[in-house]
Protein backbone atom coordinates (compact mmCIF):
# COMPACT_ATOMS: atom_id res chain seq x y z
CA MET A 1 -7.94 48.71 -45.51
CA LYS A 2 -7.07 50.87 -42.98
CA PHE A 3 -10.44 50.33 -41.20
CA ALA A 4 -9.84 46.51 -41.15
CA ARG A 5 -6.54 46.89 -39.47
CA ILE A 6 -8.09 48.80 -36.74
CA LEU A 7 -10.72 46.27 -36.47
CA ALA A 8 -8.33 43.40 -36.24
CA ILE A 9 -6.21 45.65 -33.58
CA VAL A 10 -9.17 46.31 -31.52
CA THR A 11 -10.57 42.30 -31.74
CA LEU A 12 -6.90 41.23 -30.81
CA SER A 13 -6.83 43.66 -27.76
CA VAL A 14 -10.29 42.64 -26.93
CA THR A 15 -9.48 38.98 -27.19
CA LEU A 16 -6.27 39.29 -25.34
CA SER A 17 -8.16 41.22 -22.41
CA ALA A 18 -10.69 38.80 -22.20
CA LEU A 19 -8.03 35.94 -22.20
CA LEU A 20 -6.09 37.99 -19.24
CA PHE A 21 -9.38 38.30 -17.49
CA LEU A 22 -10.17 34.61 -17.67
CA ALA A 23 -6.30 33.54 -16.50
CA LEU A 24 -6.76 35.98 -13.74
CA VAL A 25 -10.33 34.70 -12.34
CA CYS A 26 -9.12 30.92 -12.84
CA GLY A 27 -6.15 31.74 -10.92
CA TRP A 28 -8.24 33.33 -8.52
CA LEU A 29 -10.75 30.45 -8.47
CA PHE A 30 -7.90 27.93 -8.08
CA GLU A 31 -6.42 29.83 -5.23
CA PHE A 32 -9.78 30.30 -3.42
CA PHE A 33 -11.37 26.47 -4.05
CA LEU A 34 -8.44 24.52 -4.57
CA TYR A 35 -5.20 25.85 -3.04
CA ARG A 36 -6.54 27.48 0.44
CA GLU A 37 -4.13 27.77 3.06
CA PRO A 38 -5.67 26.71 6.47
CA GLU A 39 -6.47 29.33 8.75
CA VAL A 40 -4.75 27.03 11.60
CA ASN A 41 -1.09 25.85 12.35
CA PRO A 42 -0.55 23.03 13.20
CA TYR A 43 -3.51 21.26 11.26
CA SER A 44 -4.84 18.41 13.38
CA LEU A 45 -6.28 15.62 11.11
CA LEU A 46 -8.24 12.56 11.97
CA VAL A 47 -7.76 9.71 9.82
CA VAL A 48 -9.60 6.52 9.67
CA GLY A 49 -9.23 3.50 7.74
CA VAL A 50 -12.44 1.25 7.10
CA ASP A 51 -12.85 -2.04 6.61
CA ALA A 52 -15.11 -4.12 4.13
CA MET A 53 -18.73 -3.77 4.44
CA ILE A 54 -19.70 -6.97 6.51
CA GLU A 55 -23.62 -7.44 7.27
CA GLY A 56 -24.16 -3.86 6.63
CA THR A 57 -21.54 -2.37 8.93
CA ARG A 58 -17.99 -1.19 8.74
CA ARG A 59 -15.66 -0.94 11.45
CA ALA A 60 -12.61 1.44 12.02
CA ASP A 61 -9.72 -0.77 11.07
CA VAL A 62 -7.00 2.11 11.48
CA ILE A 63 -7.17 4.81 13.44
CA MET A 64 -4.56 7.72 13.09
CA ILE A 65 -3.92 11.23 14.33
CA ALA A 66 -1.67 13.55 12.13
CA MET A 67 -0.62 17.00 13.58
CA ILE A 68 0.74 18.99 10.15
CA ASP A 69 2.81 22.05 10.72
CA HIS A 70 2.48 23.12 7.21
CA LYS A 71 4.88 26.19 7.69
CA GLU A 72 7.83 24.23 9.27
CA ARG A 73 7.05 21.09 6.80
CA LYS A 74 6.62 18.64 9.90
CA ILE A 75 4.25 15.70 10.57
CA VAL A 76 3.61 14.25 13.85
CA ILE A 77 1.69 10.95 13.54
CA SER A 78 0.11 8.56 16.36
CA ASN A 79 -1.53 5.46 15.81
CA VAL A 80 -4.34 4.60 18.18
CA PRO A 81 -4.88 1.10 18.87
CA ARG A 82 -8.19 -0.06 17.40
CA ASP A 83 -8.30 -2.71 20.30
CA LEU A 84 -8.01 0.06 22.68
CA LEU A 85 -10.65 -0.50 25.92
CA LEU A 86 -12.41 2.45 26.47
CA GLN A 87 -15.35 1.98 29.27
CA ASN A 88 -15.61 -1.54 28.69
CA SER A 89 -15.85 -0.94 24.92
CA LYS A 90 -13.30 -1.03 22.11
CA ILE A 91 -12.20 2.34 20.42
CA ASN A 92 -13.17 1.09 17.06
CA ALA A 93 -16.89 0.15 18.24
CA VAL A 94 -17.18 3.79 18.77
CA TYR A 95 -17.22 4.31 14.79
CA THR A 96 -19.58 1.47 14.11
CA ARG A 97 -22.02 3.00 16.74
CA SER A 98 -21.71 6.44 16.17
CA GLY A 99 -19.66 7.06 12.81
CA ILE A 100 -16.87 9.51 12.45
CA SER A 101 -18.54 12.33 14.29
CA GLY A 102 -18.56 10.17 17.60
CA LEU A 103 -15.02 8.74 17.04
CA ARG A 104 -13.76 12.50 16.73
CA GLN A 105 -15.97 13.50 19.62
CA THR A 106 -14.48 10.86 21.98
CA LEU A 107 -11.18 11.20 20.84
CA SER A 108 -11.33 15.13 21.12
CA LYS A 109 -12.46 14.49 24.71
CA LEU A 110 -9.69 12.06 25.74
CA LEU A 111 -6.88 14.05 24.03
CA ASP A 112 -7.98 17.52 24.26
CA ILE A 113 -7.66 17.99 20.49
CA ASN A 114 -9.88 20.12 18.47
CA PHE A 115 -9.70 18.00 15.17
CA ASN A 116 -9.77 20.63 12.18
CA GLY A 117 -10.58 17.87 9.69
CA ALA A 118 -11.09 14.09 9.44
CA VAL A 119 -10.51 11.54 6.29
CA ILE A 120 -12.28 8.28 5.88
CA VAL A 121 -10.23 6.14 3.49
CA ASP A 122 -11.17 2.49 2.45
CA TYR A 123 -9.31 -0.24 1.29
CA ALA A 124 -9.69 0.58 -2.43
CA ALA A 125 -8.00 3.77 -1.75
CA PHE A 126 -5.22 2.35 -0.15
CA LYS A 127 -4.59 0.05 -2.78
CA TYR A 128 -4.74 2.59 -5.18
CA LEU A 129 -2.09 4.51 -3.53
CA GLY A 130 0.00 1.68 -3.31
CA ASP A 131 -0.25 0.63 -7.05
CA GLU A 132 0.32 4.54 -7.80
CA LEU A 133 3.36 5.14 -5.11
CA GLY A 134 4.83 1.52 -5.11
CA PRO A 135 6.69 -0.65 -5.18
CA VAL A 136 7.93 -0.65 -1.90
CA GLU A 137 10.54 -2.85 -0.30
CA ILE A 138 9.63 -4.53 2.65
CA HIS A 139 11.27 -7.25 4.52
CA VAL A 140 9.07 -10.12 5.90
CA LYS A 141 10.77 -11.74 8.97
CA GLU A 142 8.30 -14.44 9.80
CA PRO A 143 5.84 -16.73 7.83
CA MET A 144 2.43 -14.52 7.55
CA LYS A 145 -0.49 -16.57 6.79
CA TYR A 146 -4.65 -15.72 6.86
CA VAL A 147 -7.76 -16.31 4.97
CA ASP A 148 -10.73 -14.72 5.64
CA SER A 149 -13.32 -15.22 2.82
CA VAL A 150 -15.89 -12.94 4.14
CA GLN A 151 -13.33 -9.98 4.17
CA LYS A 152 -11.75 -11.43 0.94
CA LEU A 153 -8.46 -11.25 2.78
CA TYR A 154 -5.81 -13.84 1.69
CA ILE A 155 -2.36 -13.03 3.17
CA ASP A 156 0.63 -15.52 2.37
CA PHE A 157 4.08 -14.59 3.05
CA GLN A 158 7.07 -16.36 3.61
CA PRO A 159 10.24 -14.65 5.00
CA GLY A 160 12.10 -12.92 2.71
CA VAL A 161 12.32 -9.15 0.68
CA TYR A 162 9.48 -8.35 -1.31
CA LEU A 163 8.70 -5.26 -3.75
CA MET A 164 5.12 -4.59 -3.11
CA ARG A 165 2.15 -2.67 -4.63
CA GLY A 166 -1.29 -2.23 -3.82
CA ASP A 167 -2.95 -5.45 -2.94
CA GLU A 168 0.12 -7.00 -1.37
CA LEU A 169 0.71 -3.90 0.84
CA LEU A 170 -2.91 -3.97 2.04
CA ALA A 171 -2.19 -7.65 2.86
CA TYR A 172 1.07 -6.85 4.62
CA ILE A 173 -0.57 -4.05 6.90
CA ARG A 174 -3.70 -5.98 7.48
CA TYR A 175 -2.15 -9.07 9.20
CA ARG A 176 -2.76 -9.31 12.73
CA LYS A 177 -2.58 -13.08 13.67
CA ASP A 178 0.86 -12.81 15.44
CA ALA A 179 1.80 -13.01 19.22
CA MET A 180 1.17 -8.97 19.34
CA GLY A 181 -1.95 -8.72 17.06
CA ASP A 182 -2.89 -5.15 16.38
CA LEU A 183 -0.08 -3.69 17.95
CA SER A 184 2.29 -5.26 15.68
CA ARG A 185 0.02 -3.94 12.89
CA ILE A 186 0.64 -0.35 13.72
CA GLU A 187 4.27 -0.95 13.54
CA ARG A 188 3.80 -2.13 10.00
CA GLN A 189 1.49 0.50 9.36
CA LYS A 190 4.27 3.12 10.43
CA GLU A 191 6.82 1.51 8.19
CA VAL A 192 4.55 1.48 4.84
CA LEU A 193 3.43 5.15 5.52
CA MET A 194 7.12 6.23 5.79
CA LYS A 195 7.95 4.48 2.44
CA LEU A 196 4.81 5.63 0.53
CA MET A 197 5.19 9.18 1.98
CA GLU A 198 8.60 9.40 0.82
CA ASN A 199 7.75 7.82 -2.71
CA ALA A 200 5.21 10.63 -3.02
CA ARG A 201 7.52 13.31 -2.57
CA ARG A 202 8.96 12.42 -6.13
CA VAL A 203 5.78 12.97 -8.04
CA THR A 204 4.66 16.07 -9.57
CA LEU A 205 1.91 18.35 -8.17
CA GLN A 206 -0.18 17.35 -11.46
CA LYS A 207 0.42 13.96 -10.71
CA LEU A 208 -0.67 14.46 -6.96
CA LEU A 209 -3.91 16.38 -8.12
CA SER A 210 -4.73 13.66 -10.78
CA MET A 211 -4.55 10.78 -8.02
CA PHE A 212 -6.69 12.86 -5.82
CA GLN A 213 -9.30 13.18 -8.25
CA ASN A 214 -9.42 9.33 -8.50
CA LEU A 215 -9.24 8.69 -4.75
CA GLN A 216 -12.36 10.85 -4.23
CA LYS A 217 -14.65 8.10 -4.64
CA ASN A 218 -12.95 6.00 -2.09
CA ILE A 219 -12.65 8.95 0.27
CA ASP A 220 -14.96 10.68 2.50
CA LEU A 221 -13.57 14.01 3.48
CA LYS A 222 -14.55 15.88 6.43
CA VAL A 223 -11.87 18.74 5.26
CA SER A 224 -11.75 21.43 2.75
CA THR A 225 -10.70 20.20 -0.55
CA GLY A 226 -8.33 23.35 -0.98
CA GLU A 227 -6.98 22.83 2.43
CA LEU A 228 -6.25 19.45 1.49
CA VAL A 229 -4.54 20.26 -1.82
CA TYR A 230 -2.55 23.13 -0.32
CA LEU A 231 -1.17 20.75 2.84
CA PHE A 232 0.11 18.33 -0.23
CA SER A 233 1.70 20.96 -2.19
CA LYS A 234 3.58 22.50 0.81
CA LEU A 235 4.45 18.89 1.97
CA ARG A 236 5.77 17.37 -1.47
CA ARG A 237 8.66 20.07 -1.33
CA GLY A 238 10.23 18.25 1.70
CA PHE A 239 8.95 17.53 5.41
CA THR A 240 10.12 15.46 8.36
CA VAL A 241 7.92 12.71 10.23
CA GLU A 242 7.79 11.87 13.80
CA PHE A 243 5.82 9.39 15.43
CA VAL A 244 4.46 9.79 19.06
CA SER A 245 3.45 6.36 20.66
CA PHE A 246 -0.10 6.10 22.12
CA PRO A 247 0.19 5.73 25.86
CA TYR A 248 -1.48 1.96 26.40
CA VAL A 249 -0.31 -1.00 28.63
CA ILE A 250 -1.49 -4.25 28.30
CA ASP A 251 -3.13 -5.50 31.40
CA GLU A 252 -3.18 -9.09 33.20
CA LYS A 253 -6.11 -10.05 31.04
CA GLY A 254 -4.47 -9.35 27.58
CA ASP A 255 -6.43 -6.34 26.92
CA VAL A 256 -5.01 -3.00 25.65
CA VAL A 257 -5.90 -0.38 28.13
CA LEU A 258 -5.06 3.46 28.50
CA ASP A 259 -1.70 4.35 30.49
CA GLU A 260 -3.00 7.09 32.88
CA LYS A 261 0.42 7.78 34.16
CA ARG A 262 1.70 8.62 30.33
CA LEU A 263 -1.43 10.45 29.48
CA ALA A 264 -0.37 14.01 30.16
CA ILE A 265 3.09 13.56 28.59
CA TYR A 266 1.29 12.23 25.50
CA LYS A 267 -0.95 14.95 25.14
CA GLN A 268 1.89 17.59 25.57
CA ALA A 269 3.95 15.93 22.95
CA LEU A 270 1.29 16.10 20.62
CA LYS A 271 0.47 19.88 21.48
CA ASP A 272 4.17 20.77 21.03
CA MET A 273 4.71 18.25 18.02
CA LYS A 274 7.85 17.03 19.64
CA PRO A 275 7.95 13.45 21.05
CA GLN A 276 8.96 13.42 24.64
CA SER A 277 11.23 10.76 24.72
CA GLN A 278 14.81 10.10 26.24
CA THR A 279 15.46 8.12 23.39
CA SER A 280 16.65 11.11 21.53
CA THR A 281 19.91 11.54 24.02
CA LEU A 282 20.39 7.66 24.64
CA ARG A 283 20.51 5.34 21.59
CA ILE A 284 19.78 1.91 22.61
CA ALA A 285 19.52 -1.60 20.77
CA LEU A 286 17.76 -4.10 22.93
CA ILE A 287 18.50 -7.76 22.02
CA ASN A 288 16.89 -11.05 22.73
CA ALA A 289 19.40 -13.96 23.87
CA GLY A 290 16.82 -15.64 25.97
CA PRO A 291 14.75 -18.90 25.18
CA ASP A 292 11.55 -16.95 24.18
CA LYS A 293 11.63 -16.17 20.65
CA SER A 294 8.17 -14.72 19.89
CA ARG A 295 6.52 -11.42 20.01
CA ALA A 296 5.53 -12.21 23.61
CA PHE A 297 9.34 -10.88 24.25
CA LEU A 298 8.69 -7.75 22.28
CA GLU A 299 5.42 -7.06 24.23
CA LYS A 300 7.09 -7.69 27.76
CA GLN A 301 9.79 -5.27 26.86
CA THR A 302 7.81 -2.60 25.50
CA ASN A 303 6.03 -2.67 28.50
CA LEU A 304 8.85 -2.46 30.86
CA TRP A 305 10.56 0.33 29.10
CA SER A 306 7.27 2.22 28.61
CA LYS A 307 7.26 2.60 32.67
CA VAL A 308 10.49 4.93 32.41
CA ASP A 309 9.11 6.81 29.46
CA VAL A 310 11.85 5.42 27.28
CA GLN A 311 11.97 3.31 24.17
CA PRO A 312 14.85 1.30 23.06
CA SER A 313 15.45 2.70 19.15
CA LEU A 314 15.73 -1.18 18.17
CA ILE A 315 14.18 -4.09 19.93
CA VAL A 316 15.57 -7.45 18.46
CA TRP A 317 13.02 -10.24 19.46
CA GLU A 318 13.89 -12.67 16.76
CA ASP A 319 16.65 -15.60 17.10
CA VAL A 320 19.33 -14.29 15.52
CA GLY A 321 22.14 -16.84 16.86
CA LEU A 322 23.32 -15.47 19.90
CA SER A 323 25.32 -17.39 22.53
CA PHE A 324 25.41 -14.58 25.21
CA LYS A 325 25.05 -16.83 28.63
CA ASN A 326 24.56 -13.34 30.82
CA ASP A 327 22.66 -10.28 30.47
CA THR A 328 25.17 -8.16 28.76
CA VAL A 329 25.98 -4.62 28.12
CA LEU A 330 28.06 -3.68 25.49
CA ILE A 331 28.91 0.02 25.84
CA VAL A 332 29.88 2.02 22.62
CA ASP A 333 30.21 5.29 24.22
CA ARG A 334 31.73 5.33 27.21
CA GLY A 335 30.15 8.77 28.32
CA THR A 336 26.88 6.93 28.62
CA GLN A 337 27.67 4.07 30.97
CA ASP A 338 26.35 5.88 34.37
CA SER A 339 23.21 6.66 32.43
CA VAL A 340 22.86 3.38 31.23
CA ARG A 341 23.53 1.69 34.86
CA ASN A 342 20.74 3.86 36.24
CA LEU A 343 18.25 3.27 33.62
CA LEU A 344 18.68 -0.51 33.42
CA LYS A 345 18.33 -0.39 37.30
CA SER A 346 14.89 1.03 36.80
CA VAL A 347 13.84 -1.06 33.95
CA TYR A 348 15.28 -4.38 35.56
CA PRO A 349 15.50 -4.08 39.06
CA GLU A 350 15.82 -7.77 39.62
CA LYS A 351 18.66 -8.29 36.93
CA THR A 352 22.45 -7.99 37.17
CA PHE A 353 24.09 -6.89 34.11
CA THR A 354 27.79 -7.87 33.05
CA PHE A 355 28.73 -4.46 31.56
CA ALA A 356 31.72 -4.43 28.75
CA PHE A 357 33.30 -1.70 26.73
CA VAL A 358 33.29 -1.95 22.89
CA ASP A 359 36.68 -0.29 22.54
CA GLU A 360 38.48 -3.36 24.72
CA PRO A 361 40.11 -5.93 22.75
CA GLY A 362 37.92 -8.90 23.89
CA THR A 363 34.94 -6.95 23.70
CA LEU A 364 35.48 -5.60 20.24
CA LYS A 365 35.22 -9.08 18.78
CA SER A 366 31.67 -10.11 20.42
CA TYR A 367 30.44 -6.70 18.98
CA PHE A 368 31.34 -7.23 15.55
CA GLU A 369 29.78 -10.89 15.80
CA LEU A 370 26.68 -9.26 17.07
CA VAL A 371 26.47 -6.79 14.36
CA ASP A 372 27.51 -9.86 11.84
CA LYS A 373 24.62 -11.80 13.34
CA LEU A 374 22.14 -8.84 12.74
CA SER A 375 22.97 -8.25 9.28
CA LYS A 376 22.86 -11.90 8.15
CA ASN A 377 19.49 -11.88 9.43
CA ARG A 378 18.84 -8.55 7.52
CA ILE A 379 18.33 -6.57 10.69
CA TYR A 380 20.14 -3.37 10.33
CA PRO A 381 20.68 -1.12 13.44
CA LYS A 382 20.28 2.82 12.84
CA PHE A 383 23.76 4.12 13.53
CA PRO A 384 25.11 5.50 15.89
CA ILE A 385 24.13 3.32 18.35
CA ASP A 386 25.36 4.08 22.22
CA VAL A 387 24.64 0.63 23.71
CA PHE A 388 23.54 -2.84 23.09
CA VAL A 389 21.63 -4.42 25.89
CA VAL A 390 21.23 -8.10 25.57
CA VAL A 391 18.78 -9.81 27.69
CA ARG A 392 18.02 -13.36 28.59
């Protein structure tokens, strides 16, 4: 009896020791293989979204640069226009010819970035993410209709508010048959990405790992799995996201080309992970009150403001029913009037603006009418706004 008791104690001790050893080893293995902190910070990642296989080739449909500071939990994202012309060839053709290594080398040389990793994502992966992290509220402002049976792409959205998941989200970000083409797609990609990332913060780490396992068959990773899991686990606790606009202009032929004048500022913004823009000190809403109610207005205004390295925080190109007869400036913060006057002289040297202050009785009515018109068109400026610039 005594021997049996001793044997039982020894067996229990050995079993517990074995379990402890296994727990330590498994924990160490998890730490080593599936939860490895990157050696560099910030971590630079090249993300490429590829379209469907057509005649044996795949094109880069989305090209994105992500700078991730996993210690400060901050992300800076920049979309590279897929139609960008470099040496008489579009940037997405580099991927078709030379794959991810060629695209990575081209962008590294152009932007002085030594990418720490790369991820290739296809449509099935994005659809899966949209289903798992959706729905996402999307406001469609104009009819979006396009059919491409070869790519199995069927898009048909009427203006309105939608709760979108996988297939619908994919169609929404792929649509490019409007006046701005790929450039307007970039704005939609930003919108959807931000909302999906916000939803991802609410899911458990266990679900993230499960999602990652399901995604692996539709993702080509040129990055350590452990590092990716580590980055996800860090960022799900909360993070900030900022976007840096790629330096491009649209030339007289309508081609998207590199803006050499802004290239150095752009590269420094990526390096510092801090967008270098004056919009942080002057918040401007630009409103279209002219006869051209197409996205051509947006294209023109974006180019004009990019020349002074400033972009308004909101550009409303749609027809919202305004009746302004002159180019008008509604100043909310009187302290900004000198800065606004000087800035508008640089952006619109040929225009003469009528300046008015919102705190004056006559102007206050115009201000409320403007805000009311915007809200009725489901356009909600992110307040505070320092100045509304109405352009005819």
